[in-house]
């Protein structure tokens, strides 16, 4: 999963080089540029110099504006160059399940071109306390419900599952957390449980400092289960 694309989209020649240098069977997943979801006032914009210009109030929060449509088009172009089959769209806590936000969300997702790219939506904030609204949105707009599987189960089950793990603890995000063998076993059980309910493919992404070792540890558990 390319996290960097959330902060700044690469030049097209860079995306082409990434694709050429990667193994033929390597699959990229792209995290959508935050211009689509996060208004320029969001703290996440402090981590990049690639800020939008012009009518700033027309960016973010899935508003159906020319600026957001253009930002999505640029994201989709990078997906195409990388031959990415999936794009993660993460909405900020400020984007709650209000009537206005739901209306914007429906209009945006119904308008954009997806070009056969599957969209995994990772909601934050009040959506997590409103599973019925989340399920309704995923079902209506054909979105994969992206969750941290060790914190909560997806409220909308689809053939494809996409899970982003941000560490455990009291806070929702704990990037310094190191997953234990027990965590890996529990995660494998949860994935297998969803597979028994109809999920045929699962993406499991560790979004923490120790992501490489944690992913390797989880793969060892999965390989052992398959034997």
C-alpha atoms as a PDB file:
ATOM      1  CA  UNK A   1       0.000   0.000   0.000  1.00  0.00           C
ATOM      2  CA  UNK A   2       1.340   3.410  -0.993  1.00  0.00           C
ATOM      3  CA  UNK A   3       0.794   5.745   1.954  1.00  0.00           C
ATOM      4  CA  UNK A   4       2.816   8.539   0.360  1.00  0.00           C
ATOM      5  CA  UNK A   5       0.126   9.185  -2.262  1.00  0.00           C
ATOM      6  CA  UNK A   6      -2.155  10.454   0.514  1.00  0.00           C
ATOM      7  CA  UNK A   7       0.219  13.355   1.159  1.00  0.00           C
ATOM      8  CA  UNK A   8       1.527  13.959  -2.333  1.00  0.00           C
ATOM      9  CA  UNK A   9       0.867  12.274  -5.659  1.00  0.00           C
ATOM     10  CA  UNK A  10       4.034  11.251  -7.493  1.00  0.00           C
ATOM     11  CA  UNK A  11       4.907  12.475 -10.956  1.00  0.00           C
ATOM     12  CA  UNK A  12       3.673  10.136 -13.665  1.00  0.00           C
ATOM     13  CA  UNK A  13       7.228   9.210 -14.657  1.00  0.00           C
ATOM     14  CA  UNK A  14       7.876   8.176 -11.041  1.00  0.00           C
ATOM     15  CA  UNK A  15       4.805   5.927 -10.952  1.00  0.00           C
ATOM     16  CA  UNK A  16       5.896   4.353 -14.254  1.00  0.00           C
ATOM     17  CA  UNK A  17       9.348   3.678 -12.803  1.00  0.00           C
ATOM     18  CA  UNK A  18       7.854   2.085  -9.670  1.00  0.00           C
ATOM     19  CA  UNK A  19       5.794  -0.242 -11.831  1.00  0.00           C
ATOM     20  CA  UNK A  20       8.754  -1.162 -14.030  1.00  0.00           C
ATOM     21  CA  UNK A  21      11.040  -1.837 -11.063  1.00  0.00           C
ATOM     22  CA  UNK A  22       8.524  -3.966  -9.155  1.00  0.00           C
ATOM     23  CA  UNK A  23       8.212  -7.722  -9.820  1.00  0.00           C
ATOM     24  CA  UNK A  24       5.629  -8.579 -12.464  1.00  0.00           C
ATOM     25  CA  UNK A  25       3.268 -10.204  -9.947  1.00  0.00           C
ATOM     26  CA  UNK A  26       3.651  -7.402  -7.377  1.00  0.00           C
ATOM     27  CA  UNK A  27       0.424  -5.553  -6.640  1.00  0.00           C
ATOM     28  CA  UNK A  28       0.191  -1.924  -5.569  1.00  0.00           C
ATOM     29  CA  UNK A  29      -2.694  -0.460  -3.578  1.00  0.00           C
ATOM     30  CA  UNK A  30      -3.011   3.319  -3.573  1.00  0.00           C
ATOM     31  CA  UNK A  31      -4.223   5.592  -0.802  1.00  0.00           C
ATOM     32  CA  UNK A  32      -6.199   8.436  -2.360  1.00  0.00           C
ATOM     33  CA  UNK A  33      -4.804  11.961  -2.247  1.00  0.00           C
ATOM     34  CA  UNK A  34      -6.099  13.809   0.798  1.00  0.00           C
ATOM     35  CA  UNK A  35      -7.247  16.775  -1.315  1.00  0.00           C
ATOM     36  CA  UNK A  36     -10.395  14.726  -1.971  1.00  0.00           C
ATOM     37  CA  UNK A  37     -11.216  13.999   1.648  1.00  0.00           C
ATOM     38  CA  UNK A  38      -9.383  16.360   3.982  1.00  0.00           C
ATOM     39  CA  UNK A  39      -9.928  20.130   3.816  1.00  0.00           C
ATOM     40  CA  UNK A  40      -6.710  22.192   3.666  1.00  0.00           C
ATOM     41  CA  UNK A  41      -7.284  23.177   7.308  1.00  0.00           C
ATOM     42  CA  UNK A  42      -6.748  19.544   8.360  1.00  0.00           C
ATOM     43  CA  UNK A  43      -3.571  18.836  10.417  1.00  0.00           C
ATOM     44  CA  UNK A  44      -2.573  16.160   7.886  1.00  0.00           C
ATOM     45  CA  UNK A  45      -1.706  18.874   5.361  1.00  0.00           C
ATOM     46  CA  UNK A  46       1.183  20.013   7.581  1.00  0.00           C
ATOM     47  CA  UNK A  47       3.195  16.998   6.441  1.00  0.00           C
ATOM     48  CA  UNK A  48       3.420  18.101   2.808  1.00  0.00           C
ATOM     49  CA  UNK A  49       4.322  21.117   0.716  1.00  0.00           C
ATOM     50  CA  UNK A  50       2.038  19.932  -2.101  1.00  0.00           C
ATOM     51  CA  UNK A  51      -0.977  21.901  -0.947  1.00  0.00           C
ATOM     52  CA  UNK A  52      -3.859  22.819  -3.265  1.00  0.00           C
ATOM     53  CA  UNK A  53      -4.215  26.381  -4.446  1.00  0.00           C
ATOM     54  CA  UNK A  54      -7.129  28.565  -5.437  1.00  0.00           C
ATOM     55  CA  UNK A  55     -10.584  28.077  -3.910  1.00  0.00           C
ATOM     56  CA  UNK A  56      -9.470  26.056  -0.894  1.00  0.00           C
ATOM     57  CA  UNK A  57     -12.995  25.720   0.498  1.00  0.00           C
ATOM     58  CA  UNK A  58     -13.881  23.556  -2.503  1.00  0.00           C
ATOM     59  CA  UNK A  59     -11.407  20.816  -1.589  1.00  0.00           C
ATOM     60  CA  UNK A  60     -12.007  17.855   0.705  1.00  0.00           C
ATOM     61  CA  UNK A  61     -14.973  16.261   2.484  1.00  0.00           C
ATOM     62  CA  UNK A  62     -16.006  14.468  -0.744  1.00  0.00           C
ATOM     63  CA  UNK A  63     -17.697  17.586  -2.072  1.00  0.00           C
ATOM     64  CA  UNK A  64     -18.836  17.300  -5.658  1.00  0.00           C
ATOM     65  CA  UNK A  65     -16.657  20.143  -6.933  1.00  0.00           C
ATOM     66  CA  UNK A  66     -14.415  20.504  -9.956  1.00  0.00           C
ATOM     67  CA  UNK A  67     -11.431  20.637  -7.608  1.00  0.00           C
ATOM     68  CA  UNK A  68     -12.266  17.318  -5.951  1.00  0.00           C
ATOM     69  CA  UNK A  69     -13.129  15.632  -9.243  1.00  0.00           C
ATOM     70  CA  UNK A  70      -9.802  16.766 -10.684  1.00  0.00           C
ATOM     71  CA  UNK A  71      -7.968  15.528  -7.571  1.00  0.00           C
ATOM     72  CA  UNK A  72      -9.661  12.155  -7.947  1.00  0.00           C
ATOM     73  CA  UNK A  73      -8.779  12.040 -11.644  1.00  0.00           C
ATOM     74  CA  UNK A  74      -5.115  12.557 -10.785  1.00  0.00           C
ATOM     75  CA  UNK A  75      -5.312   9.802  -8.165  1.00  0.00           C
ATOM     76  CA  UNK A  76      -6.994   7.446 -10.620  1.00  0.00           C
ATOM     77  CA  UNK A  77      -4.272   8.163 -13.177  1.00  0.00           C
ATOM     78  CA  UNK A  78      -1.611   7.013 -10.698  1.00  0.00           C
ATOM     79  CA  UNK A  79      -3.678   3.872 -10.034  1.00  0.00           C
ATOM     80  CA  UNK A  80      -3.715   3.175 -13.778  1.00  0.00           C
ATOM     81  CA  UNK A  81       0.043   3.661 -14.185  1.00  0.00           C
ATOM     82  CA  UNK A  82       0.698   1.294 -11.279  1.00  0.00           C
ATOM     83  CA  UNK A  83      -1.959  -1.159 -12.442  1.00  0.00           C
ATOM     84  CA  UNK A  84      -3.465  -0.838  -8.954  1.00  0.00           C
ATOM     85  CA  UNK A  85      -6.750  -2.675  -8.509  1.00  0.00           C
ATOM     86  CA  UNK A  86      -7.679  -0.987  -5.240  1.00  0.00           C
ATOM     87  CA  UNK A  87      -7.706   2.529  -3.853  1.00  0.00           C
ATOM     88  CA  UNK A  88      -8.178   3.414  -0.173  1.00  0.00           C
ATOM     89  CA  UNK A  89     -10.273   6.483   0.590  1.00  0.00           C
ATOM     90  CA  UNK A  90      -9.876   7.590   4.194  1.00  0.00           C
ATOM     91  CA  UNK A  91     -12.224  10.243   5.555  1.00  0.00           C
ATOM     92  CA  UNK A  92     -11.244  12.348   8.606  1.00  0.00           C
ATOM     93  CA  UNK A  93     -13.075  12.411  11.959  1.00  0.00           C
ATOM     94  CA  UNK A  94     -14.503  15.804  10.962  1.00  0.00           C
ATOM     95  CA  UNK A  95     -16.423  14.050   8.181  1.00  0.00           C
ATOM     96  CA  UNK A  96     -19.228  12.597  10.279  1.00  0.00           C
ATOM     97  CA  UNK A  97     -22.492  10.930   9.178  1.00  0.00           C
ATOM     98  CA  UNK A  98     -24.422  14.203   8.892  1.00  0.00           C
ATOM     99  CA  UNK A  99     -27.150  14.738   6.317  1.00  0.00           C
ATOM    100  CA  UNK A 100     -24.913  17.147   4.391  1.00  0.00           C
ATOM    101  CA  UNK A 101     -21.893  14.830   4.373  1.00  0.00           C
ATOM    102  CA  UNK A 102     -23.941  11.813   3.339  1.00  0.00           C
ATOM    103  CA  UNK A 103     -25.475  13.821   0.499  1.00  0.00           C
ATOM    104  CA  UNK A 104     -22.017  14.949  -0.670  1.00  0.00           C
ATOM    105  CA  UNK A 105     -20.667  11.432  -0.380  1.00  0.00           C
ATOM    106  CA  UNK A 106     -23.451   9.882  -2.432  1.00  0.00           C
ATOM    107  CA  UNK A 107     -23.161  12.538  -5.134  1.00  0.00           C
ATOM    108  CA  UNK A 108     -19.363  12.211  -5.314  1.00  0.00           C
ATOM    109  CA  UNK A 109     -19.175   8.432  -5.517  1.00  0.00           C
ATOM    110  CA  UNK A 110     -21.990   8.213  -8.019  1.00  0.00           C
ATOM    111  CA  UNK A 111     -20.341  10.808 -10.266  1.00  0.00           C
ATOM    112  CA  UNK A 112     -16.693   9.732 -10.373  1.00  0.00           C
ATOM    113  CA  UNK A 113     -15.148   7.353 -12.850  1.00  0.00           C
ATOM    114  CA  UNK A 114     -13.761   4.272 -11.079  1.00  0.00           C
ATOM    115  CA  UNK A 115     -12.266   2.513 -14.121  1.00  0.00           C
ATOM    116  CA  UNK A 116     -12.729  -0.899 -12.460  1.00  0.00           C
ATOM    117  CA  UNK A 117     -10.713   0.181  -9.420  1.00  0.00           C
ATOM    118  CA  UNK A 118     -12.232  -1.139  -6.185  1.00  0.00           C
ATOM    119  CA  UNK A 119     -12.716   1.549  -3.530  1.00  0.00           C
ATOM    120  CA  UNK A 120     -12.045   0.703   0.116  1.00  0.00           C
ATOM    121  CA  UNK A 121     -13.515   3.350   2.418  1.00  0.00           C
ATOM    122  CA  UNK A 122     -11.915   3.840   5.840  1.00  0.00           C
ATOM    123  CA  UNK A 123     -14.234   6.070   7.876  1.00  0.00           C
ATOM    124  CA  UNK A 124     -13.140   7.632  11.140  1.00  0.00           C
ATOM    125  CA  UNK A 125     -14.905   9.522  13.884  1.00  0.00           C
ATOM    126  CA  UNK A 126     -18.652   9.199  14.472  1.00  0.00           C
ATOM    127  CA  UNK A 127     -19.132   6.707  11.628  1.00  0.00           C
ATOM    128  CA  UNK A 128     -17.565   4.072  13.863  1.00  0.00           C
ATOM    129  CA  UNK A 129     -20.416   4.570  16.337  1.00  0.00           C
ATOM    130  CA  UNK A 130     -23.063   4.445  13.582  1.00  0.00           C
ATOM    131  CA  UNK A 131     -22.661   1.015  11.984  1.00  0.00           C
ATOM    132  CA  UNK A 132     -26.083   1.136  10.299  1.00  0.00           C
ATOM    133  CA  UNK A 133     -25.228   4.337   8.431  1.00  0.00           C
ATOM    134  CA  UNK A 134     -21.823   2.937   7.501  1.00  0.00           C
ATOM    135  CA  UNK A 135     -23.337  -0.295   6.209  1.00  0.00           C
ATOM    136  CA  UNK A 136     -25.971   1.615   4.252  1.00  0.00           C
ATOM    137  CA  UNK A 137     -23.341   3.815   2.587  1.00  0.00           C
ATOM    138  CA  UNK A 138     -21.090   0.867   1.684  1.00  0.00           C
ATOM    139  CA  UNK A 139     -23.982  -1.106   0.238  1.00  0.00           C
ATOM    140  CA  UNK A 140     -25.441   1.799  -1.726  1.00  0.00           C
ATOM    141  CA  UNK A 141     -22.139   3.079  -3.095  1.00  0.00           C
ATOM    142  CA  UNK A 142     -20.332  -0.256  -3.599  1.00  0.00           C
ATOM    143  CA  UNK A 143     -17.554   0.481  -1.130  1.00  0.00           C
ATOM    144  CA  UNK A 144     -15.429  -2.007   0.786  1.00  0.00           C
ATOM    145  CA  UNK A 145     -15.680  -1.281   4.520  1.00  0.00           C
ATOM    146  CA  UNK A 146     -12.024  -0.853   5.530  1.00  0.00           C
ATOM    147  CA  UNK A 147     -11.453  -1.419   9.266  1.00  0.00           C
ATOM    148  CA  UNK A 148      -8.769  -2.346  11.769  1.00  0.00           C
ATOM    149  CA  UNK A 149      -9.795  -5.976  12.154  1.00  0.00           C
ATOM    150  CA  UNK A 150      -8.281  -6.316  15.628  1.00  0.00           C
ATOM    151  CA  UNK A 151     -10.490  -3.471  16.838  1.00  0.00           C
ATOM    152  CA  UNK A 152     -13.767  -4.047  14.988  1.00  0.00           C
ATOM    153  CA  UNK A 153     -15.379  -6.214  12.339  1.00  0.00           C
ATOM    154  CA  UNK A 154     -16.556  -4.759   9.012  1.00  0.00           C
ATOM    155  CA  UNK A 155     -20.241  -3.854   9.116  1.00  0.00           C
ATOM    156  CA  UNK A 156     -20.581  -4.579   5.404  1.00  0.00           C
ATOM    157  CA  UNK A 157     -19.186  -7.876   4.145  1.00  0.00           C
ATOM    158  CA  UNK A 158     -18.076  -8.053   0.529  1.00  0.00           C
ATOM    159  CA  UNK A 159     -16.127 -10.587  -1.499  1.00  0.00           C
ATOM    160  CA  UNK A 160     -13.006  -8.514  -0.939  1.00  0.00           C
ATOM    161  CA  UNK A 161     -11.812  -7.435   2.483  1.00  0.00           C
ATOM    162  CA  UNK A 162      -9.331  -4.643   3.170  1.00  0.00           C
ATOM    163  CA  UNK A 163      -7.903  -4.229   6.660  1.00  0.00           C
ATOM    164  CA  UNK A 164      -5.520  -1.563   7.977  1.00  0.00           C
ATOM    165  CA  UNK A 165      -3.951  -2.216  11.391  1.00  0.00           C
ATOM    166  CA  UNK A 166      -2.867   0.857  13.363  1.00  0.00           C
ATOM    167  CA  UNK A 167      -1.692  -0.729  16.616  1.00  0.00           C
ATOM    168  CA  UNK A 168      -3.551  -1.615  19.806  1.00  0.00           C
ATOM    169  CA  UNK A 169      -4.064   0.240  23.072  1.00  0.00           C
ATOM    170  CA  UNK A 170      -6.388   2.908  24.424  1.00  0.00           C
ATOM    171  CA  UNK A 171      -5.912   5.252  21.483  1.00  0.00           C
ATOM    172  CA  UNK A 172      -7.275   4.435  18.029  1.00  0.00           C
ATOM    173  CA  UNK A 173      -3.800   4.950  16.568  1.00  0.00           C
ATOM    174  CA  UNK A 174      -0.723   3.473  18.241  1.00  0.00           C
ATOM    175  CA  UNK A 175       2.007   3.293  15.619  1.00  0.00           C
ATOM    176  CA  UNK A 176       4.688   2.169  18.086  1.00  0.00           C
ATOM    177  CA  UNK A 177       2.760  -1.000  18.964  1.00  0.00           C
ATOM    178  CA  UNK A 178       4.387  -4.360  18.190  1.00  0.00           C
ATOM    179  CA  UNK A 179       1.932  -7.151  17.469  1.00  0.00           C
ATOM    180  CA  UNK A 180       2.349 -10.359  19.455  1.00  0.00           C
ATOM    181  CA  UNK A 181       2.050 -13.963  18.309  1.00  0.00           C
ATOM    182  CA  UNK A 182      -1.342 -14.011  20.001  1.00  0.00           C
ATOM    183  CA  UNK A 183      -2.389 -10.960  17.964  1.00  0.00           C
ATOM    184  CA  UNK A 184      -1.296 -12.641  14.741  1.00  0.00           C
ATOM    185  CA  UNK A 185      -3.201 -15.811  15.597  1.00  0.00           C
ATOM    186  CA  UNK A 186      -6.342 -13.864  16.470  1.00  0.00           C
ATOM    187  CA  UNK A 187      -6.057 -11.874  13.260  1.00  0.00           C
ATOM    188  CA  UNK A 188      -5.781 -15.070  11.223  1.00  0.00           C
ATOM    189  CA  UNK A 189      -8.861 -16.473  12.980  1.00  0.00           C
ATOM    190  CA  UNK A 190     -10.848 -13.343  12.162  1.00  0.00           C
ATOM    191  CA  UNK A 191      -9.820 -13.460   8.498  1.00  0.00           C
ATOM    192  CA  UNK A 192     -10.717 -17.151   8.299  1.00  0.00           C
ATOM    193  CA  UNK A 193     -14.062 -16.424   9.948  1.00  0.00           C
ATOM    194  CA  UNK A 194     -14.905 -13.818   7.331  1.00  0.00           C
ATOM    195  CA  UNK A 195     -13.780 -16.186   4.584  1.00  0.00           C
ATOM    196  CA  UNK A 196     -16.268 -18.733   5.902  1.00  0.00           C
ATOM    197  CA  UNK A 197     -18.968 -16.081   5.474  1.00  0.00           C
ATOM    198  CA  UNK A 198     -18.144 -15.431   1.820  1.00  0.00           C
ATOM    199  CA  UNK A 199     -15.039 -13.234   1.662  1.00  0.00           C
ATOM    200  CA  UNK A 200     -12.784 -14.644  -1.064  1.00  0.00           C
ATOM    201  CA  UNK A 201      -9.814 -12.237  -0.929  1.00  0.00           C
ATOM    202  CA  UNK A 202      -8.283 -10.258   1.925  1.00  0.00           C
ATOM    203  CA  UNK A 203      -5.705  -7.486   2.044  1.00  0.00           C
ATOM    204  CA  UNK A 204      -4.082  -7.122   5.479  1.00  0.00           C
ATOM    205  CA  UNK A 205      -1.941  -4.016   5.886  1.00  0.00           C
ATOM    206  CA  UNK A 206       0.119  -3.158   8.960  1.00  0.00           C
ATOM    207  CA  UNK A 207       0.304   0.609   9.408  1.00  0.00           C
ATOM    208  CA  UNK A 208       2.788   0.874  12.258  1.00  0.00           C
ATOM    209  CA  UNK A 209       6.509   1.448  12.741  1.00  0.00           C
ATOM    210  CA  UNK A 210       7.204  -2.284  12.982  1.00  0.00           C
ATOM    211  CA  UNK A 211       5.096  -3.075   9.901  1.00  0.00           C
ATOM    212  CA  UNK A 212       7.655  -5.215   8.077  1.00  0.00           C
ATOM    213  CA  UNK A 213       8.314  -7.594  10.963  1.00  0.00           C
ATOM    214  CA  UNK A 214       4.630  -7.718  11.892  1.00  0.00           C
ATOM    215  CA  UNK A 215       3.619  -8.544   8.325  1.00  0.00           C
ATOM    216  CA  UNK A 216       6.274 -11.257   8.192  1.00  0.00           C
ATOM    217  CA  UNK A 217       5.055 -12.681  11.499  1.00  0.00           C
ATOM    218  CA  UNK A 218       1.474 -12.740  10.285  1.00  0.00           C
ATOM    219  CA  UNK A 219       2.487 -14.443   7.035  1.00  0.00           C
ATOM    220  CA  UNK A 220       4.213 -17.152   9.061  1.00  0.00           C
ATOM    221  CA  UNK A 221       0.961 -17.804  10.928  1.00  0.00           C
ATOM    222  CA  UNK A 222      -1.014 -17.927   7.670  1.00  0.00           C
ATOM    223  CA  UNK A 223       1.516 -20.283   6.086  1.00  0.00           C
ATOM    224  CA  UNK A 224       1.328 -22.548   9.121  1.00  0.00           C
ATOM    225  CA  UNK A 225      -2.463 -22.638   8.956  1.00  0.00           C
ATOM    226  CA  UNK A 226      -2.322 -23.638   5.287  1.00  0.00           C
ATOM    227  CA  UNK A 227      -0.102 -26.650   5.936  1.00  0.00           C
END
